[in-house]
Amino acid sequence: MNLIFATNNQHKLNEIRQLIGRGIKIYSLDESGFHGEIPEDYESLEENASQKAWYVHHLIKRNCFADDTGLEVEALGGGPGVYSARYSRIGDNKYSELDIVEGNICKLLDNLRNIKNRQARFRTVISLVLDGKEHQFEGIVNGIILEEKFGSEGFGYDPVFLPDGYSRTFAQMSLTEKNEISHRSIAIKKLVNFLNDL
């Protein structure tokens, strides 16, 4: 089976391809010949994942899936949530000179300064459009936000996210280790199980 993954994020592609198994061939947007922007206009992960999957499906006319992932911090009312990837660019010019990933982490840690409740979770929602029908899969991993960064692997908020039951952040784990427990891997495994049962 061939599927388009509606992303050009190489980190996500690497994670997905390691998880998906040999029976399913994954193509990025670039590899499928699509080079435009994909809209993300909604306020929930479910709606954004659905919008992206249908948008690509209508343009390319092939089976595809899209994900939307957010870091949801309890003390921030579930934020940054759907704005996780562009958190430092919203409503504050303080972080504009920083690399966006570094800016996101700096803003998160600043907003949690002196806050004892560090509970957070990563949540991924995948929307699969297969033969004109949509199916969604969710993955969640709970943890806490540390007060400083540890590790250099992974991407995004991985250096400050310590998953429950572990003594190392996602950024201190190898891709293989992270894929055993991550939010994206949980959602992808549900997707793979669904495809295998067809």
Protein backbone atom coordinates (compact mmCIF):
# COMPACT_ATOMS: atom_id res chain seq x y z
CA MET A 1 0.00 0.00 0.00
CA ASN A 2 1.17 3.52 -0.84
CA LEU A 3 0.20 6.50 1.31
CA ILE A 4 0.98 10.20 1.14
CA PHE A 5 1.98 11.70 4.48
CA ALA A 6 0.92 15.33 4.38
CA THR A 7 4.20 16.77 5.64
CA ASN A 8 7.70 17.72 4.59
CA ASN A 9 8.99 17.65 8.17
CA GLN A 10 11.95 15.29 7.93
CA HIS A 11 11.88 14.47 11.65
CA LYS A 12 8.26 13.33 11.39
CA LEU A 13 9.00 11.37 8.22
CA ASN A 14 11.88 9.54 9.89
CA GLU A 15 9.75 8.63 12.88
CA ILE A 16 6.82 7.49 10.75
CA ARG A 17 8.91 5.43 8.34
CA GLN A 18 10.61 3.61 11.20
CA LEU A 19 7.24 2.78 12.73
CA ILE A 20 5.08 2.01 9.72
CA GLY A 21 6.52 -1.34 8.59
CA ARG A 22 7.57 -2.71 5.23
CA GLY A 23 4.13 -3.32 3.78
CA ILE A 24 3.27 0.37 3.52
CA LYS A 25 5.25 2.86 1.41
CA ILE A 26 5.18 6.43 2.73
CA TYR A 27 5.69 9.42 0.43
CA SER A 28 6.22 12.99 1.60
CA LEU A 29 4.48 15.92 -0.04
CA ASP A 30 7.63 16.76 -2.01
CA GLU A 31 7.93 13.17 -3.22
CA SER A 32 4.31 13.23 -4.35
CA GLY A 33 4.84 16.42 -6.36
CA PHE A 34 2.97 18.77 -4.02
CA HIS A 35 4.88 21.92 -3.06
CA GLY A 36 2.20 24.30 -1.79
CA GLU A 37 1.12 25.39 1.66
CA ILE A 38 -1.42 23.36 3.62
CA PRO A 39 -4.01 25.29 5.64
CA GLU A 40 -4.40 24.84 9.41
CA ASP A 41 -7.34 27.07 10.26
CA TYR A 42 -8.94 25.36 13.23
CA GLU A 43 -8.70 25.42 17.02
CA SER A 44 -8.39 21.67 17.64
CA LEU A 45 -5.91 18.99 16.64
CA GLU A 46 -8.74 16.85 15.29
CA GLU A 47 -10.02 19.56 12.95
CA ASN A 48 -6.56 20.57 11.74
CA ALA A 49 -5.52 16.98 11.00
CA SER A 50 -8.78 16.43 9.11
CA GLN A 51 -8.43 19.66 7.13
CA LYS A 52 -4.86 18.84 6.06
CA ALA A 53 -5.68 15.26 5.04
CA TRP A 54 -8.72 16.23 2.96
CA TYR A 55 -6.92 19.19 1.40
CA VAL A 56 -4.10 16.99 0.12
CA HIS A 57 -6.47 14.20 -0.89
CA HIS A 58 -8.58 16.55 -3.02
CA LEU A 59 -5.50 17.96 -4.77
CA ILE A 60 -3.50 14.76 -5.33
CA LYS A 61 -6.40 12.27 -5.58
CA ARG A 62 -4.52 9.64 -3.59
CA ASN A 63 -4.94 8.01 -0.19
CA CYS A 64 -3.18 10.08 2.44
CA PHE A 65 -2.92 10.92 6.09
CA ALA A 66 -2.02 13.99 8.10
CA ASP A 67 -1.20 14.56 11.72
CA ASP A 68 -1.50 17.45 14.10
CA THR A 69 0.40 17.38 17.34
CA GLY A 70 0.32 19.67 20.32
CA LEU A 71 1.96 20.05 23.69
CA GLU A 72 -0.81 20.56 26.24
CA VAL A 73 0.37 22.04 29.54
CA GLU A 74 -2.04 21.84 32.46
CA ALA A 75 -0.97 25.13 34.09
CA LEU A 76 -1.40 26.93 30.76
CA GLY A 77 -4.97 25.74 30.28
CA GLY A 78 -3.94 23.15 27.71
CA GLY A 79 -1.71 25.54 25.79
CA PRO A 80 0.17 25.91 23.61
CA GLY A 81 -1.88 23.09 22.03
CA VAL A 82 -2.60 23.68 18.34
CA TYR A 83 -0.20 26.64 18.42
CA SER A 84 2.75 24.56 19.65
CA ALA A 85 4.82 24.86 16.45
CA ARG A 86 4.46 28.65 16.29
CA TYR A 87 4.05 29.44 19.99
CA SER A 88 6.84 32.02 20.16
CA ARG A 89 5.43 33.95 17.20
CA ILE A 90 2.02 34.58 18.72
CA GLY A 91 1.35 37.86 20.46
CA ASP A 92 4.90 38.55 21.63
CA ASN A 93 7.89 39.96 19.76
CA LYS A 94 10.24 39.10 22.62
CA TYR A 95 11.35 35.84 20.97
CA SER A 96 11.28 36.92 17.32
CA GLU A 97 15.07 37.01 16.94
CA LEU A 98 15.44 33.44 18.16
CA ASP A 99 15.21 30.31 16.05
CA ILE A 100 11.54 29.35 16.26
CA VAL A 101 12.19 26.06 18.09
CA GLU A 102 14.45 27.77 20.61
CA GLY A 103 11.93 30.60 20.91
CA ASN A 104 9.09 28.16 21.59
CA ILE A 105 11.01 26.51 24.42
CA CYS A 106 12.12 29.83 25.92
CA LYS A 107 8.56 31.18 25.90
CA LEU A 108 7.24 27.96 27.47
CA LEU A 109 9.81 28.02 30.26
CA ASP A 110 9.25 31.74 30.86
CA ASN A 111 5.50 31.20 31.13
CA LEU A 112 6.05 28.36 33.63
CA ARG A 113 8.58 30.24 35.74
CA ASN A 114 7.83 29.75 39.47
CA ILE A 115 4.87 27.48 38.66
CA LYS A 116 4.96 24.20 40.59
CA ASN A 117 2.43 22.33 38.45
CA ARG A 118 4.54 21.12 35.51
CA GLN A 119 2.10 18.46 34.28
CA ALA A 120 1.84 18.22 30.50
CA ARG A 121 1.08 15.84 27.71
CA PHE A 122 1.94 15.45 24.07
CA ARG A 123 -1.08 14.56 21.95
CA THR A 124 -1.13 13.51 18.30
CA VAL A 125 -4.20 13.10 16.12
CA ILE A 126 -3.87 11.38 12.75
CA SER A 127 -6.52 11.67 10.05
CA LEU A 128 -6.41 9.02 7.36
CA VAL A 129 -8.38 9.54 4.16
CA LEU A 130 -8.66 6.12 2.56
CA ASP A 131 -10.87 5.45 -0.46
CA GLY A 132 -12.84 8.61 0.25
CA LYS A 133 -13.52 7.90 3.93
CA GLU A 134 -11.86 9.45 6.97
CA HIS A 135 -10.57 7.64 10.05
CA GLN A 136 -8.89 9.25 13.06
CA PHE A 137 -6.37 7.87 15.55
CA GLU A 138 -5.06 9.48 18.75
CA GLY A 139 -1.88 9.04 20.75
CA ILE A 140 -1.12 10.59 24.15
CA VAL A 141 1.94 10.52 26.39
CA ASN A 142 1.90 12.23 29.79
CA GLY A 143 4.84 13.84 31.52
CA ILE A 144 6.22 17.02 33.02
CA ILE A 145 8.01 20.11 31.73
CA LEU A 146 11.49 20.47 33.22
CA GLU A 147 13.00 23.83 34.14
CA GLU A 148 15.89 23.46 31.69
CA LYS A 149 16.82 21.54 28.54
CA PHE A 150 18.42 18.11 28.51
CA GLY A 151 19.54 16.20 25.40
CA SER A 152 20.08 16.98 21.75
CA GLU A 153 18.02 14.33 19.93
CA GLY A 154 14.47 14.68 18.67
CA PHE A 155 12.92 18.05 17.87
CA GLY A 156 10.51 20.65 19.17
CA TYR A 157 9.90 20.56 22.91
CA ASP A 158 11.67 17.20 23.38
CA PRO A 159 14.55 18.64 25.48
CA VAL A 160 12.20 19.85 28.23
CA PHE A 161 9.62 17.04 28.19
CA LEU A 162 10.16 14.21 30.67
CA PRO A 163 7.66 11.38 30.07
CA ASP A 164 6.08 9.77 33.12
CA GLY A 165 8.05 6.81 34.43
CA TYR A 166 11.32 7.80 32.74
CA SER A 167 14.47 9.56 33.93
CA ARG A 168 15.41 10.97 30.52
CA THR A 169 13.74 13.51 28.26
CA PHE A 170 12.65 12.64 24.73
CA ALA A 171 15.75 14.51 23.54
CA GLN A 172 17.99 12.18 25.56
CA MET A 173 16.51 9.11 23.90
CA SER A 174 17.43 7.58 20.57
CA LEU A 175 14.77 7.61 17.87
CA THR A 176 14.18 3.90 18.50
CA GLU A 177 13.69 4.47 22.23
CA LYS A 178 11.39 7.43 21.69
CA ASN A 179 9.33 5.49 19.16
CA GLU A 180 8.57 2.85 21.78
CA ILE A 181 6.56 5.30 23.88
CA SER A 182 5.85 8.53 21.98
CA HIS A 183 2.45 10.05 21.27
CA ARG A 184 3.08 9.82 17.53
CA SER A 185 4.07 6.17 17.75
CA ILE A 186 0.90 5.33 19.69
CA ALA A 187 -1.25 7.00 17.02
CA ILE A 188 0.72 5.42 14.18
CA LYS A 189 0.45 1.94 15.70
CA LYS A 190 -3.31 2.40 15.81
CA LEU A 191 -3.21 3.45 12.14
CA VAL A 192 -1.08 0.43 11.18
CA ASN A 193 -3.33 -1.97 13.09
CA PHE A 194 -6.33 -0.52 11.27
CA LEU A 195 -4.66 -0.95 7.87
CA ASN A 196 -3.55 -4.48 8.68
CA ASP A 197 -7.11 -5.45 9.57
CA LEU A 198 -8.51 -4.32 6.22
